[in-house]
Amino acid sequence: MLSTSIRASTPATSAFPEEAAVQMIDVHKWYGEFHVLRDINLSV
């Protein structure tokens, strides 16, 4: 039986890019009368 191995290389990228892909500022979320998130900030 023949076996073939392929190895792909990926370019190096920074672990901490300068710009966020997703950014949410001052998020509030309610479920009915229950305030579950208050002033949440998130950067991804």
C-alpha atoms as a PDB file:
ATOM      1  CA  MET A   1       0.000   0.000   0.000  1.00  0.00           C
ATOM      2  CA  LEU A   2       1.316   3.440  -0.914  1.00  0.00           C
ATOM      3  CA  SER A   3       1.113   6.323   1.508  1.00  0.00           C
ATOM      4  CA  THR A   4       1.413   9.977   0.557  1.00  0.00           C
ATOM      5  CA  SER A   5       1.849  12.772   3.026  1.00  0.00           C
ATOM      6  CA  ILE A   6       1.044  16.385   2.163  1.00  0.00           C
ATOM      7  CA  ARG A   7       2.146  19.199   4.384  1.00  0.00           C
ATOM      8  CA  ALA A   8       0.597  22.629   3.931  1.00  0.00           C
ATOM      9  CA  SER A   9       2.304  25.702   5.209  1.00  0.00           C
ATOM     10  CA  THR A  10       0.408  28.777   6.283  1.00  0.00           C
ATOM     11  CA  PRO A  11       1.807  32.277   6.297  1.00  0.00           C
ATOM     12  CA  ALA A  12       2.683  33.705   9.680  1.00  0.00           C
ATOM     13  CA  THR A  13       0.157  36.173  11.024  1.00  0.00           C
ATOM     14  CA  SER A  14       0.202  38.450  13.997  1.00  0.00           C
ATOM     15  CA  ALA A  15      -1.552  37.139  17.094  1.00  0.00           C
ATOM     16  CA  PHE A  16      -2.707  40.687  17.864  1.00  0.00           C
ATOM     17  CA  PRO A  17      -3.827  42.569  14.754  1.00  0.00           C
ATOM     18  CA  GLU A  18      -4.094  46.331  15.108  1.00  0.00           C
ATOM     19  CA  GLU A  19      -7.762  46.474  14.066  1.00  0.00           C
ATOM     20  CA  ALA A  20     -10.568  44.423  15.562  1.00  0.00           C
ATOM     21  CA  ALA A  21     -12.614  42.271  13.195  1.00  0.00           C
ATOM     22  CA  VAL A  22     -15.674  42.749  15.427  1.00  0.00           C
ATOM     23  CA  GLN A  23     -16.199  45.526  17.929  1.00  0.00           C
ATOM     24  CA  MET A  24     -19.228  46.108  20.155  1.00  0.00           C
ATOM     25  CA  ILE A  25     -19.446  49.129  22.464  1.00  0.00           C
ATOM     26  CA  ASP A  26     -21.920  49.833  25.298  1.00  0.00           C
ATOM     27  CA  VAL A  27     -24.115  46.811  24.516  1.00  0.00           C
ATOM     28  CA  HIS A  28     -27.288  46.260  26.530  1.00  0.00           C
ATOM     29  CA  LYS A  29     -29.455  43.140  26.234  1.00  0.00           C
ATOM     30  CA  TRP A  30     -32.824  42.468  27.768  1.00  0.00           C
ATOM     31  CA  TYR A  31     -34.809  39.216  28.012  1.00  0.00           C
ATOM     32  CA  GLY A  32     -38.276  40.434  28.833  1.00  0.00           C
ATOM     33  CA  GLU A  33     -37.874  42.462  32.022  1.00  0.00           C
ATOM     34  CA  PHE A  34     -34.478  40.904  32.879  1.00  0.00           C
ATOM     35  CA  HIS A  35     -31.475  43.129  32.014  1.00  0.00           C
ATOM     36  CA  VAL A  36     -28.783  40.501  31.255  1.00  0.00           C
ATOM     37  CA  LEU A  37     -26.001  42.669  29.750  1.00  0.00           C
ATOM     38  CA  ARG A  38     -25.153  46.201  30.872  1.00  0.00           C
ATOM     39  CA  ASP A  39     -22.588  48.407  29.106  1.00  0.00           C
ATOM     40  CA  ILE A  40     -20.632  45.462  27.646  1.00  0.00           C
ATOM     41  CA  ASN A  41     -17.637  46.221  25.379  1.00  0.00           C
ATOM     42  CA  LEU A  42     -16.114  43.504  23.186  1.00  0.00           C
ATOM     43  CA  SER A  43     -13.314  43.497  20.614  1.00  0.00           C
ATOM     44  CA  VAL A  44     -12.406  40.393  18.605  1.00  0.00           C
END
